[in-house]
N, C-alpha and C. Protein backbone atom coordinates (compact mmCIF):
# COMPACT_ATOMS: atom_id res chain seq x y z
N MET A 1 68.92 120.03 -98.63
CA MET A 1 67.48 120.15 -98.13
C MET A 1 66.60 120.08 -99.34
N LYS A 2 67.14 120.36 -100.49
CA LYS A 2 65.92 120.38 -101.36
C LYS A 2 65.79 118.91 -101.84
N ASP A 3 66.85 118.06 -101.74
CA ASP A 3 66.82 116.58 -102.06
C ASP A 3 65.97 115.88 -101.19
N GLU A 4 66.07 116.32 -99.87
CA GLU A 4 65.34 115.62 -98.97
C GLU A 4 63.75 116.21 -99.08
N TYR A 5 63.57 117.32 -99.47
CA TYR A 5 62.15 117.65 -99.73
C TYR A 5 61.58 117.01 -101.00
N THR A 6 62.25 116.83 -101.80
CA THR A 6 61.89 115.93 -103.07
C THR A 6 61.41 114.56 -102.79
N LYS A 7 62.66 113.90 -102.07
CA LYS A 7 62.33 112.64 -101.37
C LYS A 7 61.25 112.55 -100.67
N LEU A 8 60.98 113.40 -99.79
CA LEU A 8 59.87 113.20 -98.86
C LEU A 8 58.49 113.42 -99.58
N THR A 9 58.61 114.36 -100.43
CA THR A 9 57.25 114.69 -101.38
C THR A 9 57.09 113.38 -102.00
N ALA A 10 57.97 112.62 -102.74
CA ALA A 10 57.38 111.37 -103.35
C ALA A 10 57.24 110.44 -102.41
N GLU A 11 57.67 110.38 -101.35
CA GLU A 11 57.33 109.26 -100.35
C GLU A 11 55.87 109.51 -99.85
N ARG A 12 55.47 110.80 -99.69
CA ARG A 12 54.12 111.27 -99.23
C ARG A 12 53.18 110.91 -100.46
N LYS A 13 53.51 111.12 -101.53
CA LYS A 13 52.69 110.77 -102.76
C LYS A 13 52.62 109.22 -103.03
N THR A 14 53.51 108.51 -102.71
CA THR A 14 53.35 106.95 -102.64
C THR A 14 52.51 106.40 -101.68
N LEU A 15 52.75 107.02 -100.37
CA LEU A 15 51.78 106.56 -99.08
C LEU A 15 50.30 107.18 -99.44
N ASN A 16 50.12 108.19 -99.91
CA ASN A 16 48.89 108.75 -100.20
C ASN A 16 48.29 107.73 -101.15
N GLN A 17 48.97 107.34 -102.33
CA GLN A 17 48.15 106.41 -103.30
C GLN A 17 47.82 104.90 -102.59
N ARG A 18 48.80 104.77 -101.78
CA ARG A 18 48.55 103.26 -100.95
C ARG A 18 47.34 103.47 -100.00
N TYR A 19 47.36 104.61 -99.25
CA TYR A 19 46.22 104.77 -98.44
C TYR A 19 44.62 104.83 -99.19
N LEU A 20 44.84 105.64 -100.42
CA LEU A 20 43.62 105.58 -100.99
C LEU A 20 43.31 103.94 -101.73
N ALA A 21 44.06 103.47 -101.89
CA ALA A 21 43.95 102.07 -102.60
C ALA A 21 43.63 101.18 -101.38
N LEU A 22 43.96 101.31 -100.18
CA LEU A 22 43.51 100.49 -98.79
C LEU A 22 42.17 100.82 -98.69
N LYS A 23 41.75 101.96 -98.72
CA LYS A 23 40.63 102.66 -98.15
C LYS A 23 39.59 102.03 -99.23
N GLU A 24 39.77 101.97 -100.53
CA GLU A 24 39.05 101.49 -101.35
C GLU A 24 38.72 99.84 -101.19
N GLU A 25 39.77 99.19 -100.61
CA GLU A 25 39.71 97.73 -100.27
C GLU A 25 38.82 97.80 -98.98
N VAL A 26 38.90 98.43 -98.04
CA VAL A 26 38.05 98.56 -97.00
C VAL A 26 36.49 98.68 -97.33
N LYS A 27 36.39 99.67 -98.06
CA LYS A 27 35.00 99.88 -98.67
C LYS A 27 34.41 98.69 -99.37
N GLU A 28 35.41 97.89 -100.20
CA GLU A 28 34.70 96.65 -100.82
C GLU A 28 34.60 95.67 -99.79
N ALA A 29 35.50 95.28 -98.74
CA ALA A 29 35.09 94.56 -97.79
C ALA A 29 33.91 94.65 -97.03
N LYS A 30 33.58 95.98 -96.74
CA LYS A 30 32.38 96.26 -95.96
C LYS A 30 31.07 95.87 -96.84
N LYS A 31 31.13 96.10 -98.36
CA LYS A 31 30.11 95.62 -98.76
C LYS A 31 29.85 94.18 -98.87
N ILE A 32 31.07 93.48 -98.91
CA ILE A 32 31.04 92.12 -98.96
C ILE A 32 30.41 91.63 -97.72
N ARG A 33 30.94 92.13 -96.75
CA ARG A 33 30.36 91.65 -95.31
C ARG A 33 28.84 92.02 -95.16
N LYS A 34 28.53 93.40 -95.62
CA LYS A 34 27.09 93.50 -95.42
C LYS A 34 26.45 92.49 -96.37
N SER A 35 26.77 92.11 -97.51
CA SER A 35 26.00 91.13 -98.54
C SER A 35 25.83 89.82 -97.73
N VAL A 36 26.98 89.28 -97.45
CA VAL A 36 27.14 87.96 -96.51
C VAL A 36 26.31 88.15 -95.11
N TYR A 37 26.08 89.07 -94.47
CA TYR A 37 25.10 89.01 -93.26
C TYR A 37 23.57 88.98 -93.72
N SER A 38 23.67 89.80 -94.91
CA SER A 38 22.21 89.88 -95.29
C SER A 38 21.84 88.25 -95.95
N ILE A 39 22.73 87.80 -96.61
CA ILE A 39 22.38 86.46 -97.16
C ILE A 39 22.08 85.45 -96.02
N LEU A 40 23.03 85.66 -94.75
CA LEU A 40 22.75 84.85 -93.57
C LEU A 40 21.27 84.89 -92.86
N ARG A 41 21.10 86.21 -92.91
CA ARG A 41 19.87 86.63 -92.15
C ARG A 41 18.53 85.87 -93.04
N GLN A 42 18.93 85.90 -94.46
CA GLN A 42 17.75 85.60 -95.27
C GLN A 42 17.67 84.08 -95.07
N GLU A 43 18.62 83.40 -94.99
CA GLU A 43 18.67 81.86 -94.86
C GLU A 43 18.17 81.53 -93.43
N GLN A 44 18.44 82.27 -92.34
CA GLN A 44 17.70 82.14 -91.05
C GLN A 44 16.23 82.46 -91.20
N ARG A 45 15.54 83.28 -91.80
CA ARG A 45 14.25 83.58 -92.02
C ARG A 45 13.68 82.35 -92.55
N GLU A 46 14.47 81.94 -93.56
CA GLU A 46 13.81 80.56 -94.45
C GLU A 46 13.63 79.39 -93.43
N GLN A 47 14.67 79.40 -92.59
CA GLN A 47 14.98 78.02 -91.54
C GLN A 47 13.97 78.03 -90.72
N GLN A 48 13.74 79.35 -90.03
CA GLN A 48 12.88 79.23 -88.94
C GLN A 48 11.30 78.64 -89.10
N PRO A 49 10.77 78.99 -90.22
CA PRO A 49 9.49 78.20 -90.13
C PRO A 49 9.28 76.73 -90.49
N ARG A 50 10.54 76.23 -91.08
CA ARG A 50 10.67 74.73 -91.25
C ARG A 50 10.83 74.36 -89.95
N ARG A 51 11.68 74.70 -88.74
CA ARG A 51 11.82 74.24 -87.54
C ARG A 51 10.56 74.36 -86.87
N ALA A 52 9.73 75.07 -86.93
CA ALA A 52 8.57 75.15 -86.33
C ALA A 52 7.70 74.18 -86.69
N GLN A 53 7.71 74.00 -88.09
CA GLN A 53 6.96 72.90 -88.57
C GLN A 53 7.42 71.48 -88.14
N ASP A 54 8.68 71.42 -87.94
CA ASP A 54 9.20 70.03 -87.49
C ASP A 54 9.02 69.88 -86.19
N MET A 55 8.92 70.82 -85.46
CA MET A 55 8.59 70.50 -83.93
C MET A 55 7.17 70.26 -83.64
N GLU A 56 6.30 70.52 -84.36
CA GLU A 56 5.08 70.49 -84.46
C GLU A 56 4.60 68.90 -84.75
N ARG A 57 5.66 68.27 -85.57
CA ARG A 57 5.43 66.85 -85.77
C ARG A 57 5.74 65.88 -84.92
């Protein structure tokens, strides 16, 4: 029983470390996604006036 407890404790520690690493990866991915959307919105804003000018011609 003691061996099983030790084994499960070690497994829990490993899984917790993996969870924390994945949590950081998700956090980083969200930052990247937010930046990409921000860049895309900025590009759309820059393109809109050009399209309006092109339509007037």
